[in-house]
PDB file of N, CA and C in Angstrom:
ATOM      1  N   MET A   1     -28.590 -16.860 116.619  1.00  0.00           N
ATOM      2  CA  MET A   1     -28.999 -16.085 117.748  1.00  0.00           C
ATOM      3  C   MET A   1     -27.832 -17.132 118.527  1.00  0.00           C
ATOM      4  N   ARG A   2     -27.106 -17.892 118.435  1.00  0.00           N
ATOM      5  CA  ARG A   2     -26.702 -18.702 119.897  1.00  0.00           C
ATOM      6  C   ARG A   2     -25.195 -18.187 119.607  1.00  0.00           C
ATOM      7  N   PHE A   3     -24.582 -17.244 118.480  1.00  0.00           N
ATOM      8  CA  PHE A   3     -23.272 -16.406 118.515  1.00  0.00           C
ATOM      9  C   PHE A   3     -23.666 -14.992 119.364  1.00  0.00           C
ATOM     10  N   MET A   4     -24.662 -14.787 119.815  1.00  0.00           N
ATOM     11  CA  MET A   4     -25.199 -13.408 119.901  1.00  0.00           C
ATOM     12  C   MET A   4     -24.942 -12.997 121.690  1.00  0.00           C
ATOM     13  N   ALA A   5     -24.751 -12.038 122.261  1.00  0.00           N
ATOM     14  CA  ALA A   5     -24.379 -11.719 123.907  1.00  0.00           C
ATOM     15  C   ALA A   5     -26.013 -11.800 124.345  1.00  0.00           C
ATOM     16  N   ASP A   6     -26.277 -11.585 125.367  1.00  0.00           N
ATOM     17  CA  ASP A   6     -27.370 -11.889 125.895  1.00  0.00           C
ATOM     18  C   ASP A   6     -28.237 -10.170 125.616  1.00  0.00           C
ATOM     19  N   ASP A   7     -26.886  -9.243 125.784  1.00  0.00           N
ATOM     20  CA  ASP A   7     -27.428  -8.055 126.050  1.00  0.00           C
ATOM     21  C   ASP A   7     -27.298  -7.336 124.453  1.00  0.00           C
ATOM     22  N   CYS A   8     -26.987  -8.112 123.540  1.00  0.00           N
ATOM     23  CA  CYS A   8     -26.559  -7.436 122.056  1.00  0.00           C
ATOM     24  C   CYS A   8     -27.214  -6.736 121.521  1.00  0.00           C
ATOM     25  N   ALA A   9     -26.674  -5.997 120.502  1.00  0.00           N
ATOM     26  CA  ALA A   9     -27.399  -4.702 119.351  1.00  0.00           C
ATOM     27  C   ALA A   9     -27.170  -5.323 118.452  1.00  0.00           C
ATOM     28  N   PHE A  10     -27.937  -4.829 117.004  1.00  0.00           N
ATOM     29  CA  PHE A  10     -27.311  -4.994 115.681  1.00  0.00           C
ATOM     30  C   PHE A  10     -28.129  -3.205 115.019  1.00  0.00           C
ATOM     31  N   HIS A  11     -26.710  -3.148 114.546  1.00  0.00           N
ATOM     32  CA  HIS A  11     -27.254  -1.546 113.838  1.00  0.00           C
ATOM     33  C   HIS A  11     -27.355  -1.870 112.304  1.00  0.00           C
ATOM     34  N   GLY A  12     -28.634  -2.072 111.661  1.00  0.00           N
ATOM     35  CA  GLY A  12     -28.641  -2.538 110.112  1.00  0.00           C
ATOM     36  C   GLY A  12     -28.379  -1.239 109.604  1.00  0.00           C
ATOM     37  N   VAL A  13     -28.165  -1.315 108.152  1.00  0.00           N
ATOM     38  CA  VAL A  13     -27.326  -0.514 107.195  1.00  0.00           C
ATOM     39  C   VAL A  13     -28.515   0.571 106.725  1.00  0.00           C
ATOM     40  N   ALA A  14     -29.849   0.457 106.988  1.00  0.00           N
ATOM     41  CA  ALA A  14     -30.397   1.742 107.047  1.00  0.00           C
ATOM     42  C   ALA A  14     -31.554   1.946 107.730  1.00  0.00           C
ATOM     43  N   GLY A  15     -32.183   3.153 108.263  1.00  0.00           N
ATOM     44  CA  GLY A  15     -33.050   3.623 109.206  1.00  0.00           C
ATOM     45  C   GLY A  15     -32.677   5.050 109.189  1.00  0.00           C
ATOM     46  N   PRO A  16     -33.419   6.012 110.383  1.00  0.00           N
ATOM     47  CA  PRO A  16     -33.887   6.871 110.268  1.00  0.00           C
ATOM     48  C   PRO A  16     -32.585   7.324 111.342  1.00  0.00           C
ATOM     49  N   ASP A  17     -31.905   6.682 112.062  1.00  0.00           N
ATOM     50  CA  ASP A  17     -30.619   7.456 113.143  1.00  0.00           C
ATOM     51  C   ASP A  17     -29.488   6.850 112.650  1.00  0.00           C
ATOM     52  N   LEU A  18     -28.421   7.930 112.875  1.00  0.00           N
ATOM     53  CA  LEU A  18     -26.933   7.651 113.140  1.00  0.00           C
ATOM     54  C   LEU A  18     -26.388   6.453 112.369  1.00  0.00           C
ATOM     55  N   LEU A  19     -26.829   5.679 113.515  1.00  0.00           N
ATOM     56  CA  LEU A  19     -26.687   3.979 113.252  1.00  0.00           C
ATOM     57  C   LEU A  19     -27.049   3.565 112.688  1.00  0.00           C
ATOM     58  N   GLY A  20     -28.416   3.930 111.735  1.00  0.00           N
ATOM     59  CA  GLY A  20     -29.240   3.005 110.790  1.00  0.00           C
ATOM     60  C   GLY A  20     -30.603   2.790 111.908  1.00  0.00           C
ATOM     61  N   ARG A  21     -31.105   2.006 111.540  1.00  0.00           N
ATOM     62  CA  ARG A  21     -32.088   1.388 112.383  1.00  0.00           C
ATOM     63  C   ARG A  21     -31.213   0.500 113.614  1.00  0.00           C
ATOM     64  N   SER A  22     -31.427   0.588 114.939  1.00  0.00           N
ATOM     65  CA  SER A  22     -30.928  -0.177 116.097  1.00  0.00           C
ATOM     66  C   SER A  22     -31.889  -1.133 116.912  1.00  0.00           C
ATOM     67  N   PHE A  23     -31.414  -2.294 116.455  1.00  0.00           N
ATOM     68  CA  PHE A  23     -31.872  -3.467 117.656  1.00  0.00           C
ATOM     69  C   PHE A  23     -31.645  -3.834 118.570  1.00  0.00           C
ATOM     70  N   ILE A  24     -32.059  -3.514 119.715  1.00  0.00           N
ATOM     71  CA  ILE A  24     -31.142  -3.909 121.139  1.00  0.00           C
ATOM     72  C   ILE A  24     -31.621  -5.040 121.631  1.00  0.00           C
ATOM     73  N   GLY A  25     -31.154  -5.818 122.340  1.00  0.00           N
ATOM     74  CA  GLY A  25     -31.772  -6.710 123.152  1.00  0.00           C
ATOM     75  C   GLY A  25     -32.019  -8.481 121.883  1.00  0.00           C
ATOM     76  N   ARG A  26     -31.890  -9.474 122.414  1.00  0.00           N
ATOM     77  CA  ARG A  26     -31.863 -10.627 122.017  1.00  0.00           C
ATOM     78  C   ARG A  26     -33.023 -10.750 121.027  1.00  0.00           C
ATOM     79  N   GLU A  27     -34.361 -10.482 121.405  1.00  0.00           N
ATOM     80  CA  GLU A  27     -35.421 -10.614 120.608  1.00  0.00           C
ATOM     81  C   GLU A  27     -35.775  -9.424 119.505  1.00  0.00           C
ATOM     82  N   ALA A  28     -34.968  -8.242 119.925  1.00  0.00           N
ATOM     83  CA  ALA A  28     -35.428  -7.287 119.064  1.00  0.00           C
ATOM     84  C   ALA A  28     -34.016  -7.139 117.921  1.00  0.00           C
ATOM     85  N   VAL A  29     -32.918  -7.868 118.010  1.00  0.00           N
ATOM     86  CA  VAL A  29     -31.908  -8.455 117.395  1.00  0.00           C
ATOM     87  C   VAL A  29     -32.422  -9.497 116.465  1.00  0.00           C
ATOM     88  N   ARG A  30     -33.236 -10.664 117.139  1.00  0.00           N
ATOM     89  CA  ARG A  30     -34.071 -11.619 115.886  1.00  0.00           C
ATOM     90  C   ARG A  30     -34.755 -10.944 115.237  1.00  0.00           C
ATOM     91  N   GLU A  31     -35.424 -10.318 115.728  1.00  0.00           N
ATOM     92  CA  GLU A  31     -36.316  -9.724 114.898  1.00  0.00           C
ATOM     93  C   GLU A  31     -35.675  -8.779 113.511  1.00  0.00           C
ATOM     94  N   GLY A  32     -34.615  -7.875 113.947  1.00  0.00           N
ATOM     95  CA  GLY A  32     -34.147  -7.215 112.940  1.00  0.00           C
ATOM     96  C   GLY A  32     -33.327  -8.217 111.940  1.00  0.00           C
ATOM     97  N   PHE A  33     -32.971  -9.335 112.259  1.00  0.00           N
ATOM     98  CA  PHE A  33     -32.402 -10.345 111.483  1.00  0.00           C
ATOM     99  C   PHE A  33     -33.418 -10.760 110.381  1.00  0.00           C
ATOM    100  N   GLN A  34     -35.008 -11.375 110.846  1.00  0.00           N
ATOM    101  CA  GLN A  34     -35.821 -11.899 110.375  1.00  0.00           C
ATOM    102  C   GLN A  34     -36.200 -10.563 109.142  1.00  0.00           C
ATOM    103  N   LEU A  35     -36.299  -9.557 109.641  1.00  0.00           N
ATOM    104  CA  LEU A  35     -36.686  -8.337 108.684  1.00  0.00           C
ATOM    105  C   LEU A  35     -35.615  -8.467 107.702  1.00  0.00           C
ATOM    106  N   ALA A  36     -34.770  -8.805 107.820  1.00  0.00           N
ATOM    107  CA  ALA A  36     -33.825  -8.842 106.842  1.00  0.00           C
ATOM    108  C   ALA A  36     -34.083  -9.507 105.629  1.00  0.00           C
ATOM    109  N   TRP A  37     -34.415 -11.280 106.419  1.00  0.00           N
ATOM    110  CA  TRP A  37     -34.678 -12.129 105.154  1.00  0.00           C
ATOM    111  C   TRP A  37     -36.209 -11.833 104.773  1.00  0.00           C
ATOM    112  N   GLN A  38     -36.985 -11.010 105.339  1.00  0.00           N
ATOM    113  CA  GLN A  38     -38.251 -10.685 104.699  1.00  0.00           C
ATOM    114  C   GLN A  38     -38.108  -9.890 103.680  1.00  0.00           C
ATOM    115  N   THR A  39     -37.293  -9.063 103.654  1.00  0.00           N
ATOM    116  CA  THR A  39     -37.211  -7.881 102.828  1.00  0.00           C
ATOM    117  C   THR A  39     -36.625  -8.447 101.933  1.00  0.00           C
ATOM    118  N   PHE A  40     -35.256  -9.223 101.692  1.00  0.00           N
ATOM    119  CA  PHE A  40     -34.515  -9.897 100.778  1.00  0.00           C
ATOM    120  C   PHE A  40     -34.950 -11.501 100.892  1.00  0.00           C
ATOM    121  N   PRO A  41     -35.495 -12.083 100.659  1.00  0.00           N
ATOM    122  CA  PRO A  41     -35.810 -13.767 101.044  1.00  0.00           C
ATOM    123  C   PRO A  41     -34.432 -14.279 100.362  1.00  0.00           C
ATOM    124  N   ASP A  42     -34.009 -14.089  99.101  1.00  0.00           N
ATOM    125  CA  ASP A  42     -33.086 -15.101  98.142  1.00  0.00           C
ATOM    126  C   ASP A  42     -31.207 -14.082  99.233  1.00  0.00           C
ATOM    127  N   ALA A  43     -31.504 -13.590 100.401  1.00  0.00           N
ATOM    128  CA  ALA A  43     -30.142 -12.719 100.274  1.00  0.00           C
ATOM    129  C   ALA A  43     -28.932 -14.041 100.435  1.00  0.00           C
ATOM    130  N   GLN A  44     -28.288 -12.963 100.176  1.00  0.00           N
ATOM    131  CA  GLN A  44     -26.704 -13.877  99.738  1.00  0.00           C
ATOM    132  C   GLN A  44     -25.375 -12.985 100.303  1.00  0.00           C
ATOM    133  N   TRP A  45     -24.667 -13.690 101.312  1.00  0.00           N
ATOM    134  CA  TRP A  45     -23.356 -12.777 101.516  1.00  0.00           C
ATOM    135  C   TRP A  45     -22.284 -13.616 101.287  1.00  0.00           C
ATOM    136  N   VAL A  46     -21.642 -12.999 100.231  1.00  0.00           N
ATOM    137  CA  VAL A  46     -20.562 -13.662  99.236  1.00  0.00           C
ATOM    138  C   VAL A  46     -19.164 -13.291  99.153  1.00  0.00           C
ATOM    139  N   ASP A  47     -18.505 -13.998  98.961  1.00  0.00           N
ATOM    140  CA  ASP A  47     -17.342 -13.431  98.637  1.00  0.00           C
ATOM    141  C   ASP A  47     -16.376 -12.613  99.891  1.00  0.00           C
ATOM    142  N   GLY A  48     -16.784 -13.597 101.201  1.00  0.00           N
ATOM    143  CA  GLY A  48     -16.189 -13.083 102.395  1.00  0.00           C
ATOM    144  C   GLY A  48     -14.325 -12.869 102.680  1.00  0.00           C
ATOM    145  N   ASP A  49     -14.312 -12.137 103.519  1.00  0.00           N
ATOM    146  CA  ASP A  49     -12.891 -11.711 104.080  1.00  0.00           C
ATOM    147  C   ASP A  49     -12.828 -11.281 105.538  1.00  0.00           C
ATOM    148  N   HIS A  50     -12.553 -11.682 106.087  1.00  0.00           N
ATOM    149  CA  HIS A  50     -12.850 -11.471 107.744  1.00  0.00           C
ATOM    150  C   HIS A  50     -11.792 -11.642 108.759  1.00  0.00           C
ATOM    151  N   PHE A  51     -11.837 -10.618 109.514  1.00  0.00           N
ATOM    152  CA  PHE A  51     -10.369 -10.596 110.482  1.00  0.00           C
ATOM    153  C   PHE A  51     -10.955 -10.411 111.963  1.00  0.00           C
ATOM    154  N   VAL A  52     -10.048 -10.412 112.936  1.00  0.00           N
ATOM    155  CA  VAL A  52     -10.370 -10.343 114.618  1.00  0.00           C
ATOM    156  C   VAL A  52      -9.158  -9.724 115.126  1.00  0.00           C
ATOM    157  N   VAL A  53      -9.190  -8.874 115.667  1.00  0.00           N
ATOM    158  CA  VAL A  53      -8.128  -8.108 116.342  1.00  0.00           C
ATOM    159  C   VAL A  53      -8.742  -7.870 117.849  1.00  0.00           C
ATOM    160  N   GLY A  54      -8.068  -8.292 118.558  1.00  0.00           N
ATOM    161  CA  GLY A  54      -8.615  -8.445 120.105  1.00  0.00           C
ATOM    162  C   GLY A  54      -9.943  -8.526 120.281  1.00  0.00           C
ATOM    163  N   ASP A  55     -10.955  -7.472 120.515  1.00  0.00           N
ATOM    164  CA  ASP A  55     -12.611  -7.919 120.834  1.00  0.00           C
ATOM    165  C   ASP A  55     -13.001  -7.115 119.753  1.00  0.00           C
ATOM    166  N   ARG A  56     -12.416  -6.720 118.680  1.00  0.00           N
ATOM    167  CA  ARG A  56     -13.077  -6.339 117.605  1.00  0.00           C
ATOM    168  C   ARG A  56     -13.059  -6.953 116.558  1.00  0.00           C
ATOM    169  N   GLY A  57     -13.782  -7.048 115.114  1.00  0.00           N
ATOM    170  CA  GLY A  57     -13.722  -7.924 114.064  1.00  0.00           C
ATOM    171  C   GLY A  57     -14.217  -6.985 112.948  1.00  0.00           C
ATOM    172  N   VAL A  58     -14.169  -7.637 111.853  1.00  0.00           N
ATOM    173  CA  VAL A  58     -14.722  -7.167 110.646  1.00  0.00           C
ATOM    174  C   VAL A  58     -14.793  -7.726 109.294  1.00  0.00           C
ATOM    175  N   SER A  59     -15.844  -8.033 109.124  1.00  0.00           N
ATOM    176  CA  SER A  59     -16.540  -9.007 108.071  1.00  0.00           C
ATOM    177  C   SER A  59     -16.656  -8.434 106.499  1.00  0.00           C
ATOM    178  N   GLU A  60     -15.823  -8.627 105.840  1.00  0.00           N
ATOM    179  CA  GLU A  60     -16.098  -7.971 104.526  1.00  0.00           C
ATOM    180  C   GLU A  60     -16.825  -8.595 103.458  1.00  0.00           C
ATOM    181  N   SER A  61     -17.942  -8.220 102.961  1.00  0.00           N
ATOM    182  CA  SER A  61     -18.536  -9.685 101.523  1.00  0.00           C
ATOM    183  C   SER A  61     -18.989  -8.443 100.674  1.00  0.00           C
ATOM    184  N   THR A  62     -19.737  -9.505  99.957  1.00  0.00           N
ATOM    185  CA  THR A  62     -20.530  -8.954  98.638  1.00  0.00           C
ATOM    186  C   THR A  62     -22.118  -8.911  98.797  1.00  0.00           C
ATOM    187  N   PHE A  63     -23.124  -8.328  99.526  1.00  0.00           N
ATOM    188  CA  PHE A  63     -24.467  -8.628  99.560  1.00  0.00           C
ATOM    189  C   PHE A  63     -25.143  -8.818  98.315  1.00  0.00           C
ATOM    190  N   ARG A  64     -25.822  -9.678  98.041  1.00  0.00           N
ATOM    191  CA  ARG A  64     -26.951  -9.841  97.008  1.00  0.00           C
ATOM    192  C   ARG A  64     -28.298 -10.153  97.299  1.00  0.00           C
ATOM    193  N   GLY A  65     -29.377  -9.439  96.990  1.00  0.00           N
ATOM    194  CA  GLY A  65     -31.016 -10.097  97.104  1.00  0.00           C
ATOM    195  C   GLY A  65     -31.627  -9.102  96.294  1.00  0.00           C
ATOM    196  N   THR A  66     -32.917  -9.787  96.402  1.00  0.00           N
ATOM    197  CA  THR A  66     -33.910  -9.326  95.695  1.00  0.00           C
ATOM    198  C   THR A  66     -35.356  -8.882  96.439  1.00  0.00           C
ATOM    199  N   ARG A  67     -35.286  -7.837  96.006  1.00  0.00           N
ATOM    200  CA  ARG A  67     -36.588  -7.037  97.216  1.00  0.00           C
ATOM    201  C   ARG A  67     -37.994  -7.623  96.644  1.00  0.00           C
ATOM    202  N   ALA A  68     -39.059  -7.672  96.838  1.00  0.00           N
ATOM    203  CA  ALA A  68     -40.638  -7.585  96.414  1.00  0.00           C
ATOM    204  C   ALA A  68     -40.670  -6.823  95.250  1.00  0.00           C
ATOM    205  N   ASP A  69     -40.596  -5.899  95.733  1.00  0.00           N
ATOM    206  CA  ASP A  69     -40.257  -4.927  94.118  1.00  0.00           C
ATOM    207  C   ASP A  69     -39.988  -5.783  92.793  1.00  0.00           C
ATOM    208  N   GLY A  70     -38.917  -6.701  92.708  1.00  0.00           N
ATOM    209  CA  GLY A  70     -38.289  -7.349  91.850  1.00  0.00           C
ATOM    210  C   GLY A  70     -36.968  -6.389  91.937  1.00  0.00           C
ATOM    211  N   ALA A  71     -36.552  -5.027  92.468  1.00  0.00           N
ATOM    212  CA  ALA A  71     -35.223  -4.443  92.453  1.00  0.00           C
ATOM    213  C   ALA A  71     -33.956  -5.617  93.338  1.00  0.00           C
ATOM    214  N   ARG A  72     -33.295  -5.927  92.425  1.00  0.00           N
ATOM    215  CA  ARG A  72     -31.910  -6.678  92.961  1.00  0.00           C
ATOM    216  C   ARG A  72     -30.590  -5.756  93.002  1.00  0.00           C
ATOM    217  N   ILE A  73     -30.440  -5.595  94.321  1.00  0.00           N
ATOM    218  CA  ILE A  73     -29.436  -5.007  95.093  1.00  0.00           C
ATOM    219  C   ILE A  73     -28.112  -6.111  95.084  1.00  0.00           C
ATOM    220  N   GLU A  74     -26.890  -5.401  95.112  1.00  0.00           N
ATOM    221  CA  GLU A  74     -25.696  -5.925  94.806  1.00  0.00           C
ATOM    222  C   GLU A  74     -24.451  -5.249  95.072  1.00  0.00           C
ATOM    223  N   ALA A  75     -23.962  -5.126  96.155  1.00  0.00           N
ATOM    224  CA  ALA A  75     -23.052  -3.726  96.479  1.00  0.00           C
ATOM    225  C   ALA A  75     -22.090  -4.335  97.725  1.00  0.00           C
ATOM    226  N   ARG A  76     -21.051  -4.109  97.703  1.00  0.00           N
ATOM    227  CA  ARG A  76     -20.033  -4.645  98.802  1.00  0.00           C
ATOM    228  C   ARG A  76     -20.624  -3.763 100.173  1.00  0.00           C
ATOM    229  N   MET A  77     -19.971  -4.821 101.139  1.00  0.00           N
ATOM    230  CA  MET A  77     -20.312  -4.358 102.621  1.00  0.00           C
ATOM    231  C   MET A  77     -19.307  -4.383 103.631  1.00  0.00           C
ATOM    232  N   VAL A  78     -19.928  -3.987 104.822  1.00  0.00           N
ATOM    233  CA  VAL A  78     -19.089  -4.923 105.976  1.00  0.00           C
ATOM    234  C   VAL A  78     -19.995  -4.858 107.069  1.00  0.00           C
ATOM    235  N   ASP A  79     -19.474  -5.837 107.850  1.00  0.00           N
ATOM    236  CA  ASP A  79     -19.945  -6.040 109.377  1.00  0.00           C
ATOM    237  C   ASP A  79     -18.581  -5.428 110.440  1.00  0.00           C
ATOM    238  N   VAL A  80     -19.054  -4.502 111.442  1.00  0.00           N
ATOM    239  CA  VAL A  80     -18.076  -4.452 112.418  1.00  0.00           C
ATOM    240  C   VAL A  80     -18.425  -5.020 113.641  1.00  0.00           C
ATOM    241  N   PHE A  81     -18.138  -5.951 113.947  1.00  0.00           N
ATOM    242  CA  PHE A  81     -18.165  -6.744 115.076  1.00  0.00           C
ATOM    243  C   PHE A  81     -17.600  -6.163 116.469  1.00  0.00           C
ATOM    244  N   THR A  82     -17.984  -6.282 117.615  1.00  0.00           N
ATOM    245  CA  THR A  82     -17.573  -6.127 118.898  1.00  0.00           C
ATOM    246  C   THR A  82     -17.918  -7.326 119.666  1.00  0.00           C
ATOM    247  N   PHE A  83     -17.288  -7.757 120.367  1.00  0.00           N
ATOM    248  CA  PHE A  83     -17.207  -9.290 121.488  1.00  0.00           C
ATOM    249  C   PHE A  83     -17.010  -8.874 122.510  1.00  0.00           C
ATOM    250  N   ARG A  84     -17.678 -10.101 123.368  1.00  0.00           N
ATOM    251  CA  ARG A  84     -17.336  -9.940 124.729  1.00  0.00           C
ATOM    252  C   ARG A  84     -17.627 -11.090 125.182  1.00  0.00           C
ATOM    253  N   ASP A  85     -16.783 -11.581 125.942  1.00  0.00           N
ATOM    254  CA  ASP A  85     -17.037 -13.287 126.724  1.00  0.00           C
ATOM    255  C   ASP A  85     -17.546 -14.406 125.638  1.00  0.00           C
ATOM    256  N   GLY A  86     -16.608 -14.155 124.244  1.00  0.00           N
ATOM    257  CA  GLY A  86     -16.812 -15.329 123.448  1.00  0.00           C
ATOM    258  C   GLY A  86     -18.205 -14.948 122.330  1.00  0.00           C
ATOM    259  N   LYS A  87     -18.837 -14.005 122.851  1.00  0.00           N
ATOM    260  CA  LYS A  87     -20.390 -13.768 121.958  1.00  0.00           C
ATOM    261  C   LYS A  87     -20.168 -12.319 120.979  1.00  0.00           C
ATOM    262  N   ILE A  88     -20.706 -12.165 119.974  1.00  0.00           N
ATOM    263  CA  ILE A  88     -21.247 -10.552 119.631  1.00  0.00           C
ATOM    264  C   ILE A  88     -21.787 -10.111 120.399  1.00  0.00           C
ATOM    265  N   ALA A  89     -21.098  -8.692 120.799  1.00  0.00           N
ATOM    266  CA  ALA A  89     -22.058  -8.078 121.771  1.00  0.00           C
ATOM    267  C   ALA A  89     -22.525  -6.789 120.656  1.00  0.00           C
ATOM    268  N   VAL A  90     -21.999  -6.093 119.713  1.00  0.00           N
ATOM    269  CA  VAL A  90     -22.440  -5.489 118.345  1.00  0.00           C
ATOM    270  C   VAL A  90     -22.163  -5.545 117.417  1.00  0.00           C
ATOM    271  N   LYS A  91     -23.014  -5.737 116.435  1.00  0.00           N
ATOM    272  CA  LYS A  91     -22.867  -6.226 114.830  1.00  0.00           C
ATOM    273  C   LYS A  91     -23.518  -4.980 114.121  1.00  0.00           C
ATOM    274  N   ASN A  92     -22.764  -4.296 113.521  1.00  0.00           N
ATOM    275  CA  ASN A  92     -22.794  -2.668 112.805  1.00  0.00           C
ATOM    276  C   ASN A  92     -22.443  -2.869 111.532  1.00  0.00           C
ATOM    277  N   ALA A  93     -23.525  -2.977 110.625  1.00  0.00           N
ATOM    278  CA  ALA A  93     -23.492  -2.869 109.428  1.00  0.00           C
ATOM    279  C   ALA A  93     -23.561  -1.810 108.289  1.00  0.00           C
ATOM    280  N   TYR A  94     -22.593  -1.928 107.479  1.00  0.00           N
ATOM    281  CA  TYR A  94     -22.519  -0.664 106.956  1.00  0.00           C
ATOM    282  C   TYR A  94     -22.683  -1.486 104.928  1.00  0.00           C
ATOM    283  N   ARG A  95     -23.096  -0.581 104.111  1.00  0.00           N
ATOM    284  CA  ARG A  95     -23.143  -1.345 102.877  1.00  0.00           C
ATOM    285  C   ARG A  95     -23.280  -0.216 101.838  1.00  0.00           C
ATOM    286  N   LYS A  96     -22.622  -0.281 100.826  1.00  0.00           N
ATOM    287  CA  LYS A  96     -22.349   0.787  99.657  1.00  0.00           C
ATOM    288  C   LYS A  96     -24.021   1.238  99.189  1.00  0.00           C
ATOM    289  N   ASP A  97     -24.100   2.693  98.902  1.00  0.00           N
ATOM    290  CA  ASP A  97     -25.375   2.768  98.608  1.00  0.00           C
ATOM    291  C   ASP A  97     -25.418   2.665  96.945  1.00  0.00           C
ATOM    292  N   ARG A  98     -26.084   1.642  96.312  1.00  0.00           N
ATOM    293  CA  ARG A  98     -25.664   1.257  94.903  1.00  0.00           C
ATOM    294  C   ARG A  98     -27.343   1.230  94.636  1.00  0.00           C
ATOM    295  N   PRO A  99     -27.391   1.779  93.338  1.00  0.00           N
ATOM    296  CA  PRO A  99     -28.410   1.736  92.861  1.00  0.00           C
ATOM    297  C   PRO A  99     -28.846   0.112  92.566  1.00  0.00           C
ATOM    298  N   PRO A 100     -29.911   0.137  92.452  1.00  0.00           N
ATOM    299  CA  PRO A 100     -30.494  -1.625  91.870  1.00  0.00           C
ATOM    300  C   PRO A 100     -29.574  -2.137  90.874  1.00  0.00           C
ATOM    301  N   VAL A 101     -29.101  -3.214  90.592  1.00  0.00           N
ATOM    302  CA  VAL A 101     -28.511  -3.545  89.607  1.00  0.00           C
ATOM    303  C   VAL A 101     -29.847  -4.093  88.263  1.00  0.00           C
ATOM    304  N   VAL A 102     -29.577  -3.510  87.148  1.00  0.00           N
ATOM    305  CA  VAL A 102     -30.600  -3.821  86.241  1.00  0.00           C
ATOM    306  C   VAL A 102     -30.286  -5.019  85.674  1.00  0.00           C
ATOM    307  N   ALA A 103     -30.838  -6.259  85.759  1.00  0.00           N
ATOM    308  CA  ALA A 103     -30.771  -6.950  84.653  1.00  0.00           C
ATOM    309  C   ALA A 103     -30.513  -6.913  82.912  1.00  0.00           C
ATOM    310  N   PRO A 104     -29.887  -7.959  82.633  1.00  0.00           N
ATOM    311  CA  PRO A 104     -29.837  -8.088  81.021  1.00  0.00           C
ATOM    312  C   PRO A 104     -30.755  -7.985  80.254  1.00  0.00           C
ATOM    313  N   ALA A 105     -31.067  -7.453  79.142  1.00  0.00           N
ATOM    314  CA  ALA A 105     -32.218  -7.528  78.298  1.00  0.00           C
ATOM    315  C   ALA A 105     -32.392  -9.189  78.113  1.00  0.00           C
ATOM    316  N   ALA A 106     -33.443  -9.841  77.292  1.00  0.00           N
ATOM    317  CA  ALA A 106     -33.269 -11.513  76.987  1.00  0.00           C
ATOM    318  C   ALA A 106     -33.152 -11.113  75.823  1.00  0.00           C
TER     319      ALA A 106
END
């Protein structure tokens, strides 16, 4: 959270609204981040590629995680950032809508 602006916003990959579920303000954003770890305790963002141009940035990665029901998600995603005064003002997350990955039979 030390990288987030005081009045930050996080728009998650899923939710009822046009931007998914939005978390506005430091405490709400913290809760949104914690919800991601509660939903996917083994969450990983790998194979990252990042760039910044002016006050905007993009982070592209592969998301991997297992839900409580055992479904394993693996999909490419991007985070689009807006920066202000050296901090993240907005983190807007997008992920491919891919079905759960089926583990090979043993």
